[in-house]
């Protein structure tokens, strides 16, 4: 009787191990399938939000204010500096504005 139990024990353990392996494999496959579905749904939602942001009404740009030419005492400028200022005068300045917070 003990000999019979000893003969059946490895076969029984192998069957239990195989059943456990199949059960775990199925559980892992189910979890990955659920995760894949969630990721696809989240990706679609993120794409829609991004699309809504891109399609939303354009925000007005801050006004541009022209500035008068820079005046620097000529005693500090070399002829090269003076020539560079004549060739590249400042064009404009952007006035920063505070925009309202954006929410999705």
N, C-alpha and C. Protein backbone atom coordinates (compact mmCIF):
# COMPACT_ATOMS: atom_id res chain seq x y z
N UNK A 1 0.83 -1.19 0.00
CA UNK A 1 0.00 0.00 0.00
C UNK A 1 0.87 1.26 0.00
N UNK A 2 1.92 1.26 0.82
CA UNK A 2 2.82 2.41 0.85
C UNK A 2 3.53 2.53 -0.49
N UNK A 3 3.89 1.40 -1.05
CA UNK A 3 4.56 1.39 -2.36
C UNK A 3 3.66 1.97 -3.43
N UNK A 4 2.36 1.62 -3.39
CA UNK A 4 1.40 2.14 -4.36
C UNK A 4 1.25 3.64 -4.21
N UNK A 5 1.19 4.13 -2.97
CA UNK A 5 1.08 5.57 -2.71
C UNK A 5 2.32 6.30 -3.21
N UNK A 6 3.48 5.66 -3.01
CA UNK A 6 4.73 6.29 -3.46
C UNK A 6 4.79 6.34 -4.99
N UNK A 7 4.22 5.34 -5.65
CA UNK A 7 4.21 5.33 -7.11
C UNK A 7 3.26 6.40 -7.66
N UNK A 8 2.13 6.59 -7.01
CA UNK A 8 1.12 7.55 -7.48
C UNK A 8 1.49 9.00 -7.16
N UNK A 9 2.28 9.21 -6.10
CA UNK A 9 2.60 10.58 -5.66
C UNK A 9 3.25 11.43 -6.75
N UNK A 10 4.31 10.96 -7.43
CA UNK A 10 4.91 11.81 -8.48
C UNK A 10 3.95 12.13 -9.62
N UNK A 11 3.14 11.12 -10.01
CA UNK A 11 2.17 11.35 -11.09
C UNK A 11 1.12 12.38 -10.66
N UNK A 12 0.68 12.25 -9.41
CA UNK A 12 -0.33 13.18 -8.89
C UNK A 12 0.25 14.60 -8.83
N UNK A 13 1.50 14.72 -8.36
CA UNK A 13 2.15 16.04 -8.27
C UNK A 13 2.36 16.65 -9.66
N UNK A 14 2.75 15.79 -10.62
CA UNK A 14 2.94 16.29 -11.99
C UNK A 14 1.62 16.81 -12.56
N UNK A 15 0.53 16.09 -12.30
CA UNK A 15 -0.78 16.52 -12.78
C UNK A 15 -1.20 17.83 -12.11
N UNK A 16 -0.96 17.93 -10.79
CA UNK A 16 -1.28 19.17 -10.07
C UNK A 16 -0.45 20.34 -10.60
N UNK A 17 0.84 20.09 -10.82
CA UNK A 17 1.71 21.14 -11.35
C UNK A 17 1.27 21.60 -12.74
N UNK A 18 0.89 20.66 -13.59
CA UNK A 18 0.43 21.00 -14.94
C UNK A 18 -0.88 21.80 -14.87
N UNK A 19 -1.78 21.38 -13.98
CA UNK A 19 -3.05 22.10 -13.81
C UNK A 19 -2.77 23.53 -13.30
N UNK A 20 -1.86 23.66 -12.35
CA UNK A 20 -1.50 24.98 -11.81
C UNK A 20 -0.89 25.85 -12.91
N UNK A 21 0.01 25.26 -13.72
CA UNK A 21 0.65 26.00 -14.80
C UNK A 21 -0.40 26.51 -15.80
N UNK A 22 -1.33 25.65 -16.18
CA UNK A 22 -2.38 26.05 -17.13
C UNK A 22 -3.27 27.14 -16.54
N UNK A 23 -3.62 26.98 -15.27
CA UNK A 23 -4.46 27.98 -14.60
C UNK A 23 -3.75 29.33 -14.53
N UNK A 24 -2.48 29.32 -14.16
CA UNK A 24 -1.72 30.57 -14.08
C UNK A 24 -1.55 31.20 -15.46
N UNK A 25 -1.29 30.37 -16.46
CA UNK A 25 -1.12 30.88 -17.82
C UNK A 25 -2.42 31.54 -18.30
N UNK A 26 -3.54 30.91 -17.99
CA UNK A 26 -4.83 31.48 -18.37
C UNK A 26 -5.10 32.78 -17.61
N UNK A 27 -4.76 32.82 -16.33
CA UNK A 27 -4.97 34.04 -15.53
C UNK A 27 -4.09 35.19 -16.06
N UNK A 28 -2.85 34.87 -16.40
CA UNK A 28 -1.95 35.90 -16.94
C UNK A 28 -2.46 36.41 -18.28
N UNK A 29 -2.90 35.49 -19.14
CA UNK A 29 -3.44 35.90 -20.45
C UNK A 29 -4.67 36.79 -20.27
N UNK A 30 -5.53 36.44 -19.31
CA UNK A 30 -6.72 37.26 -19.05
C UNK A 30 -6.33 38.65 -18.56
N UNK A 31 -5.35 38.71 -17.66
CA UNK A 31 -4.90 40.01 -17.14
C UNK A 31 -4.31 40.87 -18.24
N UNK A 32 -3.48 40.28 -19.10
CA UNK A 32 -2.89 41.05 -20.20
C UNK A 32 -3.95 41.49 -21.20
N UNK A 33 -4.95 40.65 -21.41
CA UNK A 33 -6.04 41.03 -22.31
C UNK A 33 -6.80 42.22 -21.74
N UNK A 34 -7.09 42.19 -20.44
CA UNK A 34 -7.77 43.31 -19.79
C UNK A 34 -6.91 44.56 -19.82
N UNK A 35 -5.63 44.41 -19.56
CA UNK A 35 -4.70 45.54 -19.60
C UNK A 35 -4.64 46.13 -21.00
N UNK A 36 -4.57 45.26 -22.01
CA UNK A 36 -4.54 45.74 -23.39
C UNK A 36 -5.79 46.53 -23.73
N UNK A 37 -6.95 46.04 -23.30
CA UNK A 37 -8.20 46.77 -23.55
C UNK A 37 -8.20 48.13 -22.86
N UNK A 38 -7.71 48.18 -21.63
CA UNK A 38 -7.65 49.45 -20.90
C UNK A 38 -6.69 50.42 -21.57
N UNK A 39 -5.53 49.92 -22.00
CA UNK A 39 -4.55 50.79 -22.66
C UNK A 39 -5.10 51.34 -23.97
N UNK A 40 -5.80 50.52 -24.74
CA UNK A 40 -6.38 51.01 -26.00
C UNK A 40 -7.43 52.07 -25.71
N UNK A 41 -8.27 51.84 -24.70
CA UNK A 41 -9.28 52.83 -24.34
C UNK A 41 -8.63 54.13 -23.88
N UNK A 42 -7.59 54.04 -23.04
CA UNK A 42 -6.89 55.24 -22.58
C UNK A 42 -6.22 55.97 -23.74
N UNK A 43 -5.66 55.22 -24.68
CA UNK A 43 -5.03 55.83 -25.85
C UNK A 43 -6.06 56.58 -26.68
N UNK A 44 -7.22 55.97 -26.87
CA UNK A 44 -8.28 56.64 -27.64
C UNK A 44 -8.74 57.91 -26.93
N UNK A 45 -8.89 57.85 -25.61
CA UNK A 45 -9.31 59.04 -24.87
C UNK A 45 -8.24 60.12 -24.95
N UNK A 46 -6.98 59.74 -24.84
CA UNK A 46 -5.90 60.73 -24.93
C UNK A 46 -5.86 61.36 -26.32
N UNK A 47 -6.08 60.56 -27.36
CA UNK A 47 -6.10 61.11 -28.71
C UNK A 47 -7.25 62.09 -28.88
N UNK A 48 -8.41 61.77 -28.32
CA UNK A 48 -9.56 62.67 -28.43
C UNK A 48 -9.29 63.98 -27.69
N UNK A 49 -8.68 63.90 -26.52
CA UNK A 49 -8.36 65.13 -25.77
C UNK A 49 -7.36 65.97 -26.54
N UNK A 50 -6.35 65.32 -27.10
CA UNK A 50 -5.35 66.04 -27.88
C UNK A 50 -6.01 66.67 -29.10
N UNK A 51 -6.90 65.95 -29.75
CA UNK A 51 -7.62 66.47 -30.91
C UNK A 51 -8.46 67.68 -30.50
N UNK A 52 -9.12 67.60 -29.35
CA UNK A 52 -9.94 68.73 -28.88
C UNK A 52 -9.08 69.95 -28.60
N UNK A 53 -7.88 69.75 -28.07
CA UNK A 53 -6.99 70.87 -27.79
C UNK A 53 -6.54 71.50 -29.09
N UNK A 54 -6.20 70.67 -30.08
CA UNK A 54 -5.71 71.19 -31.35
C UNK A 54 -6.82 71.91 -32.10
N UNK A 55 -8.05 71.38 -32.03
CA UNK A 55 -9.16 71.96 -32.79
C UNK A 55 -9.79 73.14 -32.05
N UNK A 56 -9.53 73.27 -30.76
CA UNK A 56 -10.15 74.34 -29.96
C UNK A 56 -9.83 75.70 -30.58
N UNK A 57 -10.66 76.68 -30.22
CA UNK A 57 -10.49 78.03 -30.76
C UNK A 57 -9.08 78.53 -30.48
N UNK A 58 -8.46 79.13 -31.48
CA UNK A 58 -7.09 79.62 -31.26
C UNK A 58 -7.06 80.74 -30.23
N UNK A 59 -6.02 80.75 -29.45
CA UNK A 59 -5.85 81.80 -28.44
C UNK A 59 -5.21 83.00 -29.12
N UNK A 60 -5.66 84.20 -28.77
CA UNK A 60 -5.05 85.39 -29.39
C UNK A 60 -3.60 85.55 -28.94
N UNK A 61 -2.78 86.02 -29.85
CA UNK A 61 -1.38 86.26 -29.53
C UNK A 61 -1.25 87.58 -28.78
N UNK A 62 -0.25 87.71 -27.93
CA UNK A 62 -0.07 88.97 -27.21
C UNK A 62 0.26 90.09 -28.21
N UNK A 63 -0.20 91.31 -27.90
CA UNK A 63 0.07 92.42 -28.83
C UNK A 63 1.56 92.73 -28.90
N UNK A 64 1.96 93.22 -30.03
CA UNK A 64 3.36 93.59 -30.25
C UNK A 64 3.45 95.11 -30.17
N UNK A 65 4.37 95.57 -29.37
CA UNK A 65 4.55 97.01 -29.20
C UNK A 65 5.90 97.39 -29.78
N UNK A 66 5.87 98.33 -30.71
CA UNK A 66 7.12 98.79 -31.31
C UNK A 66 7.85 99.67 -30.32
N UNK A 67 9.15 99.52 -30.29
CA UNK A 67 9.97 100.31 -29.38
C UNK A 67 10.78 101.33 -30.17
N UNK A 68 11.03 102.46 -29.56
CA UNK A 68 11.90 103.43 -30.24
C UNK A 68 13.32 102.87 -30.29
N UNK A 69 14.14 103.36 -31.20
CA UNK A 69 15.52 102.88 -31.28
C UNK A 69 16.25 103.06 -29.95
N UNK A 70 17.15 102.16 -29.70
CA UNK A 70 17.94 102.21 -28.47
C UNK A 70 18.91 103.38 -28.56
N UNK A 71 18.95 104.16 -27.49
CA UNK A 71 19.91 105.26 -27.48
C UNK A 71 20.99 104.95 -26.45
N UNK A 72 22.21 104.92 -26.91
CA UNK A 72 23.36 104.64 -26.05
C UNK A 72 24.33 105.81 -26.25
N UNK A 73 24.89 106.31 -25.16
CA UNK A 73 25.85 107.41 -25.33
C UNK A 73 26.94 107.01 -26.32
N UNK A 74 27.19 107.88 -27.26
CA UNK A 74 28.14 107.56 -28.32
C UNK A 74 29.56 107.37 -27.80
N UNK A 75 29.84 107.86 -26.61
CA UNK A 75 31.19 107.69 -26.07
C UNK A 75 31.48 106.24 -25.72
N UNK A 76 30.41 105.44 -25.50
CA UNK A 76 30.61 104.03 -25.15
C UNK A 76 30.67 103.13 -26.38
N UNK A 77 30.29 103.66 -27.53
CA UNK A 77 30.22 102.83 -28.72
C UNK A 77 31.42 103.04 -29.62
N UNK A 78 31.90 101.94 -30.13
CA UNK A 78 32.95 102.03 -31.15
C UNK A 78 32.27 102.18 -32.50
N UNK A 79 32.96 102.56 -33.54
CA UNK A 79 32.34 102.66 -34.87
C UNK A 79 31.70 101.34 -35.31
N UNK A 80 32.30 100.22 -34.92
CA UNK A 80 31.72 98.92 -35.29
C UNK A 80 30.38 98.72 -34.61
N UNK A 81 30.27 99.07 -33.31
CA UNK A 81 28.99 98.95 -32.59
C UNK A 81 27.94 99.83 -33.23
N UNK A 82 28.31 101.04 -33.56
CA UNK A 82 27.36 101.98 -34.16
C UNK A 82 26.85 101.42 -35.48
N UNK A 83 27.73 100.88 -36.28
CA UNK A 83 27.33 100.32 -37.56
C UNK A 83 26.42 99.10 -37.35
N UNK A 84 26.70 98.26 -36.36
CA UNK A 84 25.86 97.09 -36.08
C UNK A 84 24.47 97.51 -35.65
N UNK A 85 24.37 98.57 -34.84
CA UNK A 85 23.06 99.05 -34.41
C UNK A 85 22.27 99.61 -35.59
N UNK A 86 22.94 100.25 -36.51
CA UNK A 86 22.24 100.78 -37.68
C UNK A 86 21.74 99.64 -38.57
N UNK A 87 22.54 98.59 -38.69
CA UNK A 87 22.15 97.47 -39.54
C UNK A 87 21.10 96.56 -38.89
N UNK A 88 21.12 96.45 -37.57
CA UNK A 88 20.21 95.55 -36.86
C UNK A 88 19.48 96.28 -35.74
N UNK A 89 18.61 97.23 -36.06
CA UNK A 89 17.90 97.93 -34.98
C UNK A 89 16.88 96.99 -34.33
N UNK A 90 16.56 97.22 -33.06
CA UNK A 90 15.52 96.40 -32.42
C UNK A 90 14.20 96.61 -33.14
N UNK A 91 13.47 95.54 -33.38
CA UNK A 91 12.24 95.63 -34.16
C UNK A 91 10.99 95.81 -33.29
N UNK A 92 10.83 94.98 -32.29
CA UNK A 92 9.62 95.03 -31.47
C UNK A 92 9.86 94.30 -30.15
N UNK A 93 8.91 94.47 -29.25
CA UNK A 93 8.95 93.80 -27.96
C UNK A 93 7.60 93.14 -27.73
N UNK A 94 7.60 91.93 -27.22
CA UNK A 94 6.35 91.24 -26.90
C UNK A 94 6.02 91.54 -25.45
N UNK A 95 4.79 92.00 -25.23
CA UNK A 95 4.33 92.31 -23.88
C UNK A 95 3.70 91.04 -23.31
N UNK A 96 4.22 90.51 -22.20
CA UNK A 96 3.65 89.27 -21.64
C UNK A 96 2.25 89.51 -21.09
N UNK A 97 1.40 88.53 -21.27
CA UNK A 97 0.04 88.59 -20.74
C UNK A 97 -0.19 87.36 -19.87
N UNK A 98 -1.04 87.49 -18.90
CA UNK A 98 -1.43 86.35 -18.08
C UNK A 98 -2.66 85.74 -18.71
N UNK A 99 -2.57 84.44 -19.05
CA UNK A 99 -3.68 83.76 -19.68
C UNK A 99 -4.45 82.98 -18.62
N UNK A 100 -5.76 82.80 -18.83
CA UNK A 100 -6.53 82.01 -17.87
C UNK A 100 -6.09 80.55 -17.93
N UNK A 101 -6.20 79.81 -16.83
CA UNK A 101 -5.79 78.40 -16.83
C UNK A 101 -6.68 77.60 -17.77
N UNK A 102 -6.10 76.62 -18.44
CA UNK A 102 -6.83 75.77 -19.36
C UNK A 102 -7.16 74.45 -18.68
N UNK A 103 -8.37 74.01 -18.84
CA UNK A 103 -8.74 72.71 -18.25
C UNK A 103 -9.46 71.89 -19.30
N UNK A 104 -9.27 70.57 -19.21
CA UNK A 104 -9.92 69.66 -20.17
C UNK A 104 -11.29 69.31 -19.70
